[in-house]
Protein backbone atom coordinates (compact mmCIF):
# COMPACT_ATOMS: atom_id res chain seq x y z
CA UNK A 1 0.00 0.00 0.00
CA UNK A 2 1.38 3.42 -0.86
CA UNK A 3 2.02 6.15 1.68
CA UNK A 4 -0.53 8.39 -0.04
CA UNK A 5 -3.33 5.90 0.53
CA UNK A 6 -2.41 5.51 4.19
CA UNK A 7 -2.25 9.28 4.67
CA UNK A 8 -5.61 9.74 2.98
CA UNK A 9 -7.17 7.04 5.16
CA UNK A 10 -5.80 8.62 8.32
CA UNK A 11 -6.98 12.10 7.36
CA UNK A 12 -10.47 10.94 6.38
CA UNK A 13 -10.69 8.81 9.52
CA UNK A 14 -9.67 11.71 11.76
CA UNK A 15 -12.21 14.08 10.25
CA UNK A 16 -14.95 11.45 10.38
CA UNK A 17 -14.20 10.87 14.06
CA UNK A 18 -14.20 14.62 14.74
CA UNK A 19 -17.54 15.13 12.99
CA UNK A 20 -19.10 12.35 15.04
CA UNK A 21 -17.43 13.22 18.36
CA UNK A 22 -17.85 17.02 18.39
CA UNK A 23 -21.68 17.12 18.45
CA UNK A 24 -21.68 14.90 21.54
CA UNK A 25 -19.41 17.34 23.41
CA UNK A 26 -20.69 20.70 22.20
CA UNK A 27 -23.96 22.21 23.42
CA UNK A 28 -25.70 23.04 20.18
CA UNK A 29 -29.29 22.88 21.44
CA UNK A 30 -29.83 26.65 21.61
CA UNK A 31 -28.13 27.56 18.36
CA UNK A 32 -30.49 28.68 15.64
CA UNK A 33 -29.29 29.51 12.14
CA UNK A 34 -29.78 33.25 11.69
CA UNK A 35 -27.65 34.35 8.77
CA UNK A 36 -27.25 33.08 5.26
CA UNK A 37 -23.95 31.37 6.10
CA UNK A 38 -25.47 29.69 9.19
CA UNK A 39 -28.39 28.37 7.16
CA UNK A 40 -25.95 27.12 4.53
CA UNK A 41 -23.96 25.21 7.14
CA UNK A 42 -27.10 23.71 8.71
CA UNK A 43 -28.15 22.40 5.29
CA UNK A 44 -24.75 20.83 4.61
CA UNK A 45 -25.43 17.75 6.77
CA UNK A 46 -28.50 16.52 4.87
CA UNK A 47 -26.81 17.38 1.58
CA UNK A 48 -23.78 15.29 2.55
CA UNK A 49 -26.01 12.36 3.48
CA UNK A 50 -27.82 12.60 0.14
CA UNK A 51 -24.51 12.73 -1.71
CA UNK A 52 -23.16 9.67 0.12
CA UNK A 53 -26.41 7.82 -0.57
CA UNK A 54 -26.22 8.65 -4.27
CA UNK A 55 -22.57 7.65 -4.49
CA UNK A 56 -23.24 4.30 -2.82
CA UNK A 57 -26.42 3.44 -4.73
CA UNK A 58 -25.45 4.60 -8.22
CA UNK A 59 -23.15 1.62 -8.97
CA UNK A 60 -25.98 -0.76 -8.01
CA UNK A 61 -28.27 0.78 -10.62
CA UNK A 62 -26.02 0.12 -13.59
CA UNK A 63 -27.22 -2.59 -15.97
CA UNK A 64 -25.66 -5.98 -15.64
CA UNK A 65 -25.19 -5.90 -11.89
CA UNK A 66 -27.99 -8.30 -11.14
CA UNK A 67 -31.38 -7.98 -9.58
CA UNK A 68 -32.43 -4.65 -8.09
CA UNK A 69 -34.93 -6.20 -5.64
CA UNK A 70 -32.66 -6.11 -2.55
CA UNK A 71 -31.89 -2.44 -3.11
CA UNK A 72 -35.55 -1.58 -3.65
CA UNK A 73 -36.71 -3.54 -0.60
CA UNK A 74 -34.04 -1.98 1.59
CA UNK A 75 -34.94 1.53 0.48
CA UNK A 76 -38.66 0.92 0.96
CA UNK A 77 -38.04 -0.47 4.43
CA UNK A 78 -35.93 2.54 5.42
CA UNK A 79 -38.49 5.03 4.14
CA UNK A 80 -41.44 3.17 5.65
CA UNK A 81 -39.82 2.65 9.04
CA UNK A 82 -38.69 6.26 9.20
CA UNK A 83 -42.19 7.57 8.57
CA UNK A 84 -43.77 4.98 10.87
CA UNK A 85 -41.41 5.19 13.87
CA UNK A 86 -39.57 8.53 13.30
CA UNK A 87 -36.37 6.84 14.40
CA UNK A 88 -33.19 6.82 12.36
CA UNK A 89 -31.88 3.76 14.19
CA UNK A 90 -34.99 1.67 13.57
CA UNK A 91 -35.12 2.81 9.94
CA UNK A 92 -31.48 1.85 9.40
CA UNK A 93 -31.89 -1.56 11.03
CA UNK A 94 -35.09 -2.31 9.13
CA UNK A 95 -33.47 -1.36 5.83
CA UNK A 96 -30.50 -3.62 6.50
CA UNK A 97 -32.81 -6.45 7.56
CA UNK A 98 -35.01 -6.07 4.48
CA UNK A 99 -31.97 -5.96 2.20
CA UNK A 100 -30.50 -9.09 3.80
CA UNK A 101 -33.78 -11.00 3.86
CA UNK A 102 -34.40 -10.22 0.19
CA UNK A 103 -30.98 -11.58 -0.73
CA UNK A 104 -31.65 -14.67 1.42
CA UNK A 105 -35.08 -15.30 -0.14
CA UNK A 106 -33.93 -14.76 -3.72
CA UNK A 107 -30.85 -16.89 -3.17
PDB file of N, CA and C in Angstrom:
ATOM      1  N   UNK A   1       0.839  -1.170   0.000  1.00  0.00           N
ATOM      2  CA  UNK A   1       0.000   0.000   0.000  1.00  0.00           C
ATOM      3  C   UNK A   1       0.887   1.238   0.000  1.00  0.00           C
ATOM      4  N   UNK A   2       0.534   2.232  -0.781  1.00  0.00           N
ATOM      5  CA  UNK A   2       1.375   3.421  -0.861  1.00  0.00           C
ATOM      6  C   UNK A   2       1.138   4.342   0.335  1.00  0.00           C
ATOM      7  N   UNK A   3       2.093   5.205   0.561  1.00  0.00           N
ATOM      8  CA  UNK A   3       2.022   6.147   1.676  1.00  0.00           C
ATOM      9  C   UNK A   3       0.852   7.112   1.483  1.00  0.00           C
ATOM     10  N   UNK A   4       0.575   7.475   0.233  1.00  0.00           N
ATOM     11  CA  UNK A   4      -0.534   8.394  -0.042  1.00  0.00           C
ATOM     12  C   UNK A   4      -1.875   7.812   0.396  1.00  0.00           C
ATOM     13  N   UNK A   5      -2.079   6.541   0.149  1.00  0.00           N
ATOM     14  CA  UNK A   5      -3.333   5.898   0.527  1.00  0.00           C
ATOM     15  C   UNK A   5      -3.462   5.855   2.047  1.00  0.00           C
ATOM     16  N   UNK A   6      -2.384   5.546   2.732  1.00  0.00           N
ATOM     17  CA  UNK A   6      -2.412   5.508   4.192  1.00  0.00           C
ATOM     18  C   UNK A   6      -2.678   6.898   4.759  1.00  0.00           C
ATOM     19  N   UNK A   7      -2.021   7.913   4.211  1.00  0.00           N
ATOM     20  CA  UNK A   7      -2.255   9.283   4.673  1.00  0.00           C
ATOM     21  C   UNK A   7      -3.707   9.701   4.443  1.00  0.00           C
ATOM     22  N   UNK A   8      -4.233   9.400   3.283  1.00  0.00           N
ATOM     23  CA  UNK A   8      -5.612   9.744   2.981  1.00  0.00           C
ATOM     24  C   UNK A   8      -6.570   9.048   3.947  1.00  0.00           C
ATOM     25  N   UNK A   9      -6.330   7.776   4.211  1.00  0.00           N
ATOM     26  CA  UNK A   9      -7.166   7.042   5.155  1.00  0.00           C
ATOM     27  C   UNK A   9      -7.116   7.629   6.552  1.00  0.00           C
ATOM     28  N   UNK A  10      -5.933   8.019   7.000  1.00  0.00           N
ATOM     29  CA  UNK A  10      -5.801   8.625   8.325  1.00  0.00           C
ATOM     30  C   UNK A  10      -6.491   9.985   8.399  1.00  0.00           C
ATOM     31  N   UNK A  11      -6.349  10.783   7.366  1.00  0.00           N
ATOM     32  CA  UNK A  11      -6.984  12.103   7.359  1.00  0.00           C
ATOM     33  C   UNK A  11      -8.506  11.973   7.344  1.00  0.00           C
ATOM     34  N   UNK A  12      -9.021  11.132   6.460  1.00  0.00           N
ATOM     35  CA  UNK A  12     -10.470  10.944   6.382  1.00  0.00           C
ATOM     36  C   UNK A  12     -10.998  10.348   7.686  1.00  0.00           C
ATOM     37  N   UNK A  13     -10.281   9.401   8.250  1.00  0.00           N
ATOM     38  CA  UNK A  13     -10.692   8.814   9.518  1.00  0.00           C
ATOM     39  C   UNK A  13     -10.716   9.827  10.646  1.00  0.00           C
ATOM     40  N   UNK A  14      -9.718  10.693  10.703  1.00  0.00           N
ATOM     41  CA  UNK A  14      -9.666  11.711  11.757  1.00  0.00           C
ATOM     42  C   UNK A  14     -10.825  12.696  11.635  1.00  0.00           C
ATOM     43  N   UNK A  15     -11.108  13.139  10.417  1.00  0.00           N
ATOM     44  CA  UNK A  15     -12.213  14.078  10.246  1.00  0.00           C
ATOM     45  C   UNK A  15     -13.564  13.411  10.498  1.00  0.00           C
ATOM     46  N   UNK A  16     -13.710  12.164  10.103  1.00  0.00           N
ATOM     47  CA  UNK A  16     -14.952  11.454  10.380  1.00  0.00           C
ATOM     48  C   UNK A  16     -15.162  11.321  11.877  1.00  0.00           C
ATOM     49  N   UNK A  17     -14.107  10.961  12.600  1.00  0.00           N
ATOM     50  CA  UNK A  17     -14.197  10.868  14.056  1.00  0.00           C
ATOM     51  C   UNK A  17     -14.560  12.218  14.663  1.00  0.00           C
ATOM     52  N   UNK A  18     -13.936  13.280  14.190  1.00  0.00           N
ATOM     53  CA  UNK A  18     -14.202  14.617  14.736  1.00  0.00           C
ATOM     54  C   UNK A  18     -15.648  15.040  14.483  1.00  0.00           C
ATOM     55  N   UNK A  19     -16.165  14.752  13.290  1.00  0.00           N
ATOM     56  CA  UNK A  19     -17.544  15.127  12.989  1.00  0.00           C
ATOM     57  C   UNK A  19     -18.537  14.337  13.829  1.00  0.00           C
ATOM     58  N   UNK A  20     -18.188  13.144  14.214  1.00  0.00           N
ATOM     59  CA  UNK A  20     -19.096  12.349  15.038  1.00  0.00           C
ATOM     60  C   UNK A  20     -18.914  12.636  16.529  1.00  0.00           C
ATOM     61  N   UNK A  21     -17.718  12.991  16.948  1.00  0.00           N
ATOM     62  CA  UNK A  21     -17.432  13.222  18.361  1.00  0.00           C
ATOM     63  C   UNK A  21     -17.845  14.622  18.812  1.00  0.00           C
ATOM     64  N   UNK A  22     -17.597  15.622  17.989  1.00  0.00           N
ATOM     65  CA  UNK A  22     -17.846  17.015  18.386  1.00  0.00           C
ATOM     66  C   UNK A  22     -19.299  17.289  18.775  1.00  0.00           C
ATOM     67  N   UNK A  23     -20.298  16.820  18.037  1.00  0.00           N
ATOM     68  CA  UNK A  23     -21.677  17.119  18.454  1.00  0.00           C
ATOM     69  C   UNK A  23     -22.051  16.520  19.807  1.00  0.00           C
ATOM     70  N   UNK A  24     -21.371  15.470  20.229  1.00  0.00           N
ATOM     71  CA  UNK A  24     -21.682  14.901  21.540  1.00  0.00           C
ATOM     72  C   UNK A  24     -21.079  15.716  22.670  1.00  0.00           C
ATOM     73  N   UNK A  25     -20.085  16.543  22.385  1.00  0.00           N
ATOM     74  CA  UNK A  25     -19.413  17.335  23.414  1.00  0.00           C
ATOM     75  C   UNK A  25     -19.772  18.814  23.390  1.00  0.00           C
ATOM     76  N   UNK A  26     -20.323  19.294  22.305  1.00  0.00           N
ATOM     77  CA  UNK A  26     -20.686  20.703  22.201  1.00  0.00           C
ATOM     78  C   UNK A  26     -22.176  20.875  22.449  1.00  0.00           C
ATOM     79  N   UNK A  27     -22.546  21.930  23.168  1.00  0.00           N
ATOM     80  CA  UNK A  27     -23.957  22.212  23.425  1.00  0.00           C
ATOM     81  C   UNK A  27     -24.506  23.040  22.272  1.00  0.00           C
ATOM     82  N   UNK A  28     -25.181  22.382  21.364  1.00  0.00           N
ATOM     83  CA  UNK A  28     -25.704  23.044  20.176  1.00  0.00           C
ATOM     84  C   UNK A  28     -27.220  23.184  20.210  1.00  0.00           C
ATOM     85  N   UNK A  29     -27.833  22.902  21.358  1.00  0.00           N
ATOM     86  CA  UNK A  29     -29.289  22.884  21.441  1.00  0.00           C
ATOM     87  C   UNK A  29     -29.909  24.262  21.243  1.00  0.00           C
ATOM     88  N   UNK A  30     -29.251  25.316  21.687  1.00  0.00           N
ATOM     89  CA  UNK A  30     -29.835  26.654  21.610  1.00  0.00           C
ATOM     90  C   UNK A  30     -29.414  27.429  20.375  1.00  0.00           C
ATOM     91  N   UNK A  31     -28.585  26.868  19.562  1.00  0.00           N
ATOM     92  CA  UNK A  31     -28.130  27.561  18.361  1.00  0.00           C
ATOM     93  C   UNK A  31     -29.191  27.473  17.270  1.00  0.00           C
ATOM     94  N   UNK A  32     -29.548  28.609  16.740  1.00  0.00           N
ATOM     95  CA  UNK A  32     -30.493  28.682  15.636  1.00  0.00           C
ATOM     96  C   UNK A  32     -29.810  29.386  14.474  1.00  0.00           C
ATOM     97  N   UNK A  33     -29.920  28.836  13.278  1.00  0.00           N
ATOM     98  CA  UNK A  33     -29.293  29.512  12.136  1.00  0.00           C
ATOM     99  C   UNK A  33     -29.979  30.844  11.859  1.00  0.00           C
ATOM    100  N   UNK A  34     -29.205  31.921  11.885  1.00  0.00           N
ATOM    101  CA  UNK A  34     -29.785  33.249  11.687  1.00  0.00           C
ATOM    102  C   UNK A  34     -29.378  33.865  10.358  1.00  0.00           C
ATOM    103  N   UNK A  35     -28.131  33.734  10.000  1.00  0.00           N
ATOM    104  CA  UNK A  35     -27.655  34.349   8.769  1.00  0.00           C
ATOM    105  C   UNK A  35     -27.646  33.373   7.612  1.00  0.00           C
ATOM    106  N   UNK A  36     -27.310  33.904   6.466  1.00  0.00           N
ATOM    107  CA  UNK A  36     -27.247  33.083   5.259  1.00  0.00           C
ATOM    108  C   UNK A  36     -26.191  31.993   5.394  1.00  0.00           C
ATOM    109  N   UNK A  37     -25.025  32.352   5.935  1.00  0.00           N
ATOM    110  CA  UNK A  37     -23.955  31.374   6.099  1.00  0.00           C
ATOM    111  C   UNK A  37     -24.344  30.296   7.108  1.00  0.00           C
ATOM    112  N   UNK A  38     -25.026  30.678   8.194  1.00  0.00           N
ATOM    113  CA  UNK A  38     -25.469  29.695   9.186  1.00  0.00           C
ATOM    114  C   UNK A  38     -26.491  28.730   8.597  1.00  0.00           C
ATOM    115  N   UNK A  39     -27.403  29.253   7.804  1.00  0.00           N
ATOM    116  CA  UNK A  39     -28.388  28.372   7.157  1.00  0.00           C
ATOM    117  C   UNK A  39     -27.719  27.440   6.159  1.00  0.00           C
ATOM    118  N   UNK A  40     -26.707  27.955   5.467  1.00  0.00           N
ATOM    119  CA  UNK A  40     -25.954  27.122   4.528  1.00  0.00           C
ATOM    120  C   UNK A  40     -25.283  25.965   5.261  1.00  0.00           C
ATOM    121  N   UNK A  41     -24.646  26.266   6.383  1.00  0.00           N
ATOM    122  CA  UNK A  41     -23.961  25.214   7.137  1.00  0.00           C
ATOM    123  C   UNK A  41     -24.941  24.210   7.727  1.00  0.00           C
ATOM    124  N   UNK A  42     -26.123  24.655   8.147  1.00  0.00           N
ATOM    125  CA  UNK A  42     -27.095  23.715   8.709  1.00  0.00           C
ATOM    126  C   UNK A  42     -27.684  22.806   7.635  1.00  0.00           C
ATOM    127  N   UNK A  43     -27.648  23.228   6.387  1.00  0.00           N
ATOM    128  CA  UNK A  43     -28.145  22.397   5.290  1.00  0.00           C
ATOM    129  C   UNK A  43     -27.078  21.466   4.735  1.00  0.00           C
ATOM    130  N   UNK A  44     -25.841  21.642   5.142  1.00  0.00           N
ATOM    131  CA  UNK A  44     -24.750  20.834   4.610  1.00  0.00           C
ATOM    132  C   UNK A  44     -24.855  19.377   5.046  1.00  0.00           C
ATOM    133  N   UNK A  45     -25.299  19.126   6.274  1.00  0.00           N
ATOM    134  CA  UNK A  45     -25.425  17.754   6.774  1.00  0.00           C
ATOM    135  C   UNK A  45     -26.347  16.900   5.923  1.00  0.00           C
ATOM    136  N   UNK A  46     -27.619  17.309   5.737  1.00  0.00           N
ATOM    137  CA  UNK A  46     -28.502  16.519   4.873  1.00  0.00           C
ATOM    138  C   UNK A  46     -27.992  16.401   3.444  1.00  0.00           C
ATOM    139  N   UNK A  47     -27.357  17.445   2.939  1.00  0.00           N
ATOM    140  CA  UNK A  47     -26.810  17.377   1.582  1.00  0.00           C
ATOM    141  C   UNK A  47     -25.690  16.351   1.501  1.00  0.00           C
ATOM    142  N   UNK A  48     -24.862  16.278   2.532  1.00  0.00           N
ATOM    143  CA  UNK A  48     -23.781  15.290   2.551  1.00  0.00           C
ATOM    144  C   UNK A  48     -24.342  13.874   2.611  1.00  0.00           C
ATOM    145  N   UNK A  49     -25.386  13.684   3.398  1.00  0.00           N
ATOM    146  CA  UNK A  49     -26.011  12.364   3.485  1.00  0.00           C
ATOM    147  C   UNK A  49     -26.589  11.967   2.128  1.00  0.00           C
ATOM    148  N   UNK A  50     -27.259  12.895   1.468  1.00  0.00           N
ATOM    149  CA  UNK A  50     -27.820  12.599   0.145  1.00  0.00           C
ATOM    150  C   UNK A  50     -26.729  12.280  -0.865  1.00  0.00           C
ATOM    151  N   UNK A  51     -25.619  12.990  -0.793  1.00  0.00           N
ATOM    152  CA  UNK A  51     -24.506  12.732  -1.706  1.00  0.00           C
ATOM    153  C   UNK A  51     -23.906  11.358  -1.464  1.00  0.00           C
ATOM    154  N   UNK A  52     -23.697  10.998  -0.197  1.00  0.00           N
ATOM    155  CA  UNK A  52     -23.159   9.672   0.120  1.00  0.00           C
ATOM    156  C   UNK A  52     -24.119   8.571  -0.321  1.00  0.00           C
ATOM    157  N   UNK A  53     -25.414   8.798  -0.128  1.00  0.00           N
ATOM    158  CA  UNK A  53     -26.406   7.819  -0.567  1.00  0.00           C
ATOM    159  C   UNK A  53     -26.339   7.627  -2.076  1.00  0.00           C
ATOM    160  N   UNK A  54     -26.293   8.725  -2.809  1.00  0.00           N
ATOM    161  CA  UNK A  54     -26.221   8.648  -4.270  1.00  0.00           C
ATOM    162  C   UNK A  54     -24.959   7.941  -4.728  1.00  0.00           C
ATOM    163  N   UNK A  55     -23.839   8.269  -4.103  1.00  0.00           N
ATOM    164  CA  UNK A  55     -22.568   7.645  -4.490  1.00  0.00           C
ATOM    165  C   UNK A  55     -22.555   6.153  -4.192  1.00  0.00           C
ATOM    166  N   UNK A  56     -23.248   5.721  -3.148  1.00  0.00           N
ATOM    167  CA  UNK A  56     -23.238   4.299  -2.819  1.00  0.00           C
ATOM    168  C   UNK A  56     -24.274   3.512  -3.610  1.00  0.00           C
ATOM    169  N   UNK A  57     -25.359   4.149  -4.019  1.00  0.00           N
ATOM    170  CA  UNK A  57     -26.425   3.444  -4.727  1.00  0.00           C
ATOM    171  C   UNK A  57     -26.212   3.441  -6.239  1.00  0.00           C
ATOM    172  N   UNK A  58     -25.606   4.469  -6.772  1.00  0.00           N
ATOM    173  CA  UNK A  58     -25.451   4.597  -8.218  1.00  0.00           C
ATOM    174  C   UNK A  58     -24.797   3.381  -8.877  1.00  0.00           C
ATOM    175  N   UNK A  59     -23.718   2.810  -8.323  1.00  0.00           N
ATOM    176  CA  UNK A  59     -23.148   1.616  -8.966  1.00  0.00           C
ATOM    177  C   UNK A  59     -24.102   0.426  -9.000  1.00  0.00           C
ATOM    178  N   UNK A  60     -25.033   0.353  -8.040  1.00  0.00           N
ATOM    179  CA  UNK A  60     -25.977  -0.761  -8.015  1.00  0.00           C
ATOM    180  C   UNK A  60     -27.043  -0.630  -9.087  1.00  0.00           C
ATOM    181  N   UNK A  61     -27.227   0.557  -9.630  1.00  0.00           N
ATOM    182  CA  UNK A  61     -28.271   0.784 -10.621  1.00  0.00           C
ATOM    183  C   UNK A  61     -27.807   0.585 -12.049  1.00  0.00           C
ATOM    184  N   UNK A  62     -26.535   0.334 -12.244  1.00  0.00           N
ATOM    185  CA  UNK A  62     -26.021   0.120 -13.595  1.00  0.00           C
ATOM    186  C   UNK A  62     -26.499  -1.224 -14.120  1.00  0.00           C
ATOM    187  N   UNK A  63     -26.771  -1.310 -15.425  1.00  0.00           N
ATOM    188  CA  UNK A  63     -27.225  -2.588 -15.974  1.00  0.00           C
ATOM    189  C   UNK A  63     -26.135  -3.651 -15.881  1.00  0.00           C
ATOM    190  N   UNK A  64     -26.581  -4.867 -15.688  1.00  0.00           N
ATOM    191  CA  UNK A  64     -25.657  -5.984 -15.637  1.00  0.00           C
ATOM    192  C   UNK A  64     -25.160  -6.311 -14.245  1.00  0.00           C
ATOM    193  N   UNK A  65     -25.638  -5.624 -13.250  1.00  0.00           N
ATOM    194  CA  UNK A  65     -25.187  -5.904 -11.889  1.00  0.00           C
ATOM    195  C   UNK A  65     -26.165  -6.784 -11.125  1.00  0.00           C
ATOM    196  N   UNK A  66     -27.098  -7.365 -11.810  1.00  0.00           N
ATOM    197  CA  UNK A  66     -27.988  -8.301 -11.142  1.00  0.00           C
ATOM    198  C   UNK A  66     -29.326  -7.680 -10.793  1.00  0.00           C
ATOM    199  N   UNK A  67     -30.032  -8.366  -9.956  1.00  0.00           N
ATOM    200  CA  UNK A  67     -31.383  -7.983  -9.585  1.00  0.00           C
ATOM    201  C   UNK A  67     -31.374  -6.748  -8.678  1.00  0.00           C
ATOM    202  N   UNK A  68     -32.328  -5.875  -8.880  1.00  0.00           N
ATOM    203  CA  UNK A  68     -32.434  -4.649  -8.085  1.00  0.00           C
ATOM    204  C   UNK A  68     -33.384  -4.811  -6.897  1.00  0.00           C
ATOM    205  N   UNK A  69     -33.956  -5.986  -6.705  1.00  0.00           N
ATOM    206  CA  UNK A  69     -34.933  -6.197  -5.639  1.00  0.00           C
ATOM    207  C   UNK A  69     -34.365  -5.938  -4.241  1.00  0.00           C
ATOM    208  N   UNK A  70     -33.166  -6.410  -3.894  1.00  0.00           N
ATOM    209  CA  UNK A  70     -32.658  -6.115  -2.545  1.00  0.00           C
ATOM    210  C   UNK A  70     -32.511  -4.617  -2.281  1.00  0.00           C
ATOM    211  N   UNK A  71     -32.027  -3.888  -3.264  1.00  0.00           N
ATOM    212  CA  UNK A  71     -31.887  -2.440  -3.111  1.00  0.00           C
ATOM    213  C   UNK A  71     -33.250  -1.779  -2.924  1.00  0.00           C
ATOM    214  N   UNK A  72     -34.213  -2.170  -3.748  1.00  0.00           N
ATOM    215  CA  UNK A  72     -35.550  -1.580  -3.654  1.00  0.00           C
ATOM    216  C   UNK A  72     -36.212  -1.910  -2.320  1.00  0.00           C
ATOM    217  N   UNK A  73     -36.100  -3.149  -1.874  1.00  0.00           N
ATOM    218  CA  UNK A  73     -36.712  -3.535  -0.601  1.00  0.00           C
ATOM    219  C   UNK A  73     -36.049  -2.819   0.576  1.00  0.00           C
ATOM    220  N   UNK A  74     -34.742  -2.695   0.528  1.00  0.00           N
ATOM    221  CA  UNK A  74     -34.037  -1.978   1.591  1.00  0.00           C
ATOM    222  C   UNK A  74     -34.444  -0.522   1.658  1.00  0.00           C
ATOM    223  N   UNK A  75     -34.538   0.123   0.500  1.00  0.00           N
ATOM    224  CA  UNK A  75     -34.942   1.533   0.476  1.00  0.00           C
ATOM    225  C   UNK A  75     -36.378   1.705   0.949  1.00  0.00           C
ATOM    226  N   UNK A  76     -37.264   0.838   0.510  1.00  0.00           N
ATOM    227  CA  UNK A  76     -38.657   0.924   0.957  1.00  0.00           C
ATOM    228  C   UNK A  76     -38.776   0.709   2.459  1.00  0.00           C
ATOM    229  N   UNK A  77     -38.003  -0.221   2.991  1.00  0.00           N
ATOM    230  CA  UNK A  77     -38.043  -0.467   4.433  1.00  0.00           C
ATOM    231  C   UNK A  77     -37.525   0.736   5.215  1.00  0.00           C
ATOM    232  N   UNK A  78     -36.463   1.355   4.737  1.00  0.00           N
ATOM    233  CA  UNK A  78     -35.927   2.541   5.417  1.00  0.00           C
ATOM    234  C   UNK A  78     -36.950   3.665   5.406  1.00  0.00           C
ATOM    235  N   UNK A  79     -37.524   3.937   4.250  1.00  0.00           N
ATOM    236  CA  UNK A  79     -38.493   5.031   4.141  1.00  0.00           C
ATOM    237  C   UNK A  79     -39.731   4.740   4.983  1.00  0.00           C
ATOM    238  N   UNK A  80     -40.250   3.522   4.877  1.00  0.00           N
ATOM    239  CA  UNK A  80     -41.439   3.171   5.652  1.00  0.00           C
ATOM    240  C   UNK A  80     -41.209   3.206   7.151  1.00  0.00           C
ATOM    241  N   UNK A  81     -40.105   2.654   7.603  1.00  0.00           N
ATOM    242  CA  UNK A  81     -39.819   2.649   9.041  1.00  0.00           C
ATOM    243  C   UNK A  81     -39.560   4.055   9.561  1.00  0.00           C
ATOM    244  N   UNK A  82     -38.935   4.888   8.745  1.00  0.00           N
ATOM    245  CA  UNK A  82     -38.685   6.259   9.196  1.00  0.00           C
ATOM    246  C   UNK A  82     -40.001   7.020   9.381  1.00  0.00           C
ATOM    247  N   UNK A  83     -40.920   6.875   8.433  1.00  0.00           N
ATOM    248  CA  UNK A  83     -42.193   7.573   8.570  1.00  0.00           C
ATOM    249  C   UNK A  83     -43.076   6.950   9.647  1.00  0.00           C
ATOM    250  N   UNK A  84     -42.942   5.653   9.875  1.00  0.00           N
ATOM    251  CA  UNK A  84     -43.765   4.978  10.869  1.00  0.00           C
ATOM    252  C   UNK A  84     -43.266   5.250  12.283  1.00  0.00           C
ATOM    253  N   UNK A  85     -41.962   5.089  12.522  1.00  0.00           N
ATOM    254  CA  UNK A  85     -41.407   5.194  13.873  1.00  0.00           C
ATOM    255  C   UNK A  85     -40.709   6.523  14.163  1.00  0.00           C
ATOM    256  N   UNK A  86     -40.334   7.286  13.141  1.00  0.00           N
ATOM    257  CA  UNK A  86     -39.571   8.528  13.302  1.00  0.00           C
ATOM    258  C   UNK A  86     -38.265   8.299  14.054  1.00  0.00           C
ATOM    259  N   UNK A  87     -37.631   7.190  13.760  1.00  0.00           N
ATOM    260  CA  UNK A  87     -36.368   6.840  14.405  1.00  0.00           C
ATOM    261  C   UNK A  87     -35.361   6.445  13.331  1.00  0.00           C
ATOM    262  N   UNK A  88     -34.234   7.131  13.335  1.00  0.00           N
ATOM    263  CA  UNK A  88     -33.193   6.818  12.362  1.00  0.00           C
ATOM    264  C   UNK A  88     -32.615   5.433  12.606  1.00  0.00           C
ATOM    265  N   UNK A  89     -32.459   5.062  13.866  1.00  0.00           N
ATOM    266  CA  UNK A  89     -31.882   3.756  14.189  1.00  0.00           C
ATOM    267  C   UNK A  89     -32.781   2.619  13.710  1.00  0.00           C
ATOM    268  N   UNK A  90     -34.065   2.718  13.995  1.00  0.00           N
ATOM    269  CA  UNK A  90     -34.993   1.666  13.566  1.00  0.00           C
ATOM    270  C   UNK A  90     -35.073   1.617  12.042  1.00  0.00           C
ATOM    271  N   UNK A  91     -35.070   2.776  11.399  1.00  0.00           N
ATOM    272  CA  UNK A  91     -35.116   2.809   9.936  1.00  0.00           C
ATOM    273  C   UNK A  91     -33.880   2.156   9.335  1.00  0.00           C
ATOM    274  N   UNK A  92     -32.716   2.442   9.902  1.00  0.00           N
ATOM    275  CA  UNK A  92     -31.476   1.848   9.398  1.00  0.00           C
ATOM    276  C   UNK A  92     -31.477   0.337   9.583  1.00  0.00           C
ATOM    277  N   UNK A  93     -31.861  -0.117  10.762  1.00  0.00           N
ATOM    278  CA  UNK A  93     -31.889  -1.559  11.026  1.00  0.00           C
ATOM    279  C   UNK A  93     -32.921  -2.274  10.160  1.00  0.00           C
ATOM    280  N   UNK A  94     -34.078  -1.657   9.962  1.00  0.00           N
ATOM    281  CA  UNK A  94     -35.091  -2.314   9.134  1.00  0.00           C
ATOM    282  C   UNK A  94     -34.660  -2.366   7.673  1.00  0.00           C
ATOM    283  N   UNK A  95     -33.980  -1.340   7.202  1.00  0.00           N
ATOM    284  CA  UNK A  95     -33.468  -1.363   5.832  1.00  0.00           C
ATOM    285  C   UNK A  95     -32.431  -2.446   5.629  1.00  0.00           C
ATOM    286  N   UNK A  96     -31.520  -2.566   6.594  1.00  0.00           N
ATOM    287  CA  UNK A  96     -30.500  -3.616   6.504  1.00  0.00           C
ATOM    288  C   UNK A  96     -31.137  -5.000   6.571  1.00  0.00           C
ATOM    289  N   UNK A  97     -32.132  -5.157   7.443  1.00  0.00           N
ATOM    290  CA  UNK A  97     -32.808  -6.450   7.565  1.00  0.00           C
ATOM    291  C   UNK A  97     -33.571  -6.795   6.285  1.00  0.00           C
ATOM    292  N   UNK A  98     -34.267  -5.821   5.721  1.00  0.00           N
ATOM    293  CA  UNK A  98     -35.011  -6.073   4.482  1.00  0.00           C
ATOM    294  C   UNK A  98     -34.070  -6.402   3.335  1.00  0.00           C
ATOM    295  N   UNK A  99     -32.965  -5.693   3.242  1.00  0.00           N
ATOM    296  CA  UNK A  99     -31.972  -5.963   2.198  1.00  0.00           C
ATOM    297  C   UNK A  99     -31.434  -7.389   2.344  1.00  0.00           C
ATOM    298  N   UNK A 100     -31.042  -7.754   3.553  1.00  0.00           N
ATOM    299  CA  UNK A 100     -30.502  -9.092   3.800  1.00  0.00           C
ATOM    300  C   UNK A 100     -31.518 -10.194   3.578  1.00  0.00           C
ATOM    301  N   UNK A 101     -32.745  -9.981   4.036  1.00  0.00           N
ATOM    302  CA  UNK A 101     -33.781 -10.998   3.858  1.00  0.00           C
ATOM    303  C   UNK A 101     -34.133 -11.186   2.381  1.00  0.00           C
ATOM    304  N   UNK A 102     -34.115 -10.102   1.626  1.00  0.00           N
ATOM    305  CA  UNK A 102     -34.397 -10.219   0.191  1.00  0.00           C
ATOM    306  C   UNK A 102     -33.315 -11.024  -0.509  1.00  0.00           C
ATOM    307  N   UNK A 103     -32.078 -10.786  -0.159  1.00  0.00           N
ATOM    308  CA  UNK A 103     -30.982 -11.580  -0.734  1.00  0.00           C
ATOM    309  C   UNK A 103     -31.119 -13.040  -0.322  1.00  0.00           C
ATOM    310  N   UNK A 104     -31.487 -13.297   0.935  1.00  0.00           N
ATOM    311  CA  UNK A 104     -31.654 -14.665   1.423  1.00  0.00           C
ATOM    312  C   UNK A 104     -32.786 -15.376   0.681  1.00  0.00           C
ATOM    313  N   UNK A 105     -33.912 -14.688   0.511  1.00  0.00           N
ATOM    314  CA  UNK A 105     -35.075 -15.300  -0.135  1.00  0.00           C
ATOM    315  C   UNK A 105     -34.814 -15.559  -1.618  1.00  0.00           C
ATOM    316  N   UNK A 106     -34.181 -14.597  -2.284  1.00  0.00           N
ATOM    317  CA  UNK A 106     -33.931 -14.759  -3.715  1.00  0.00           C
ATOM    318  C   UNK A 106     -32.764 -15.693  -4.013  1.00  0.00           C
ATOM    319  N   UNK A 107     -31.967 -15.956  -3.005  1.00  0.00           N
ATOM    320  CA  UNK A 107     -30.854 -16.888  -3.167  1.00  0.00           C
ATOM    321  C   UNK A 107     -29.700 -16.263  -3.802  1.00  0.00           C
TER     322      UNK A 107
END
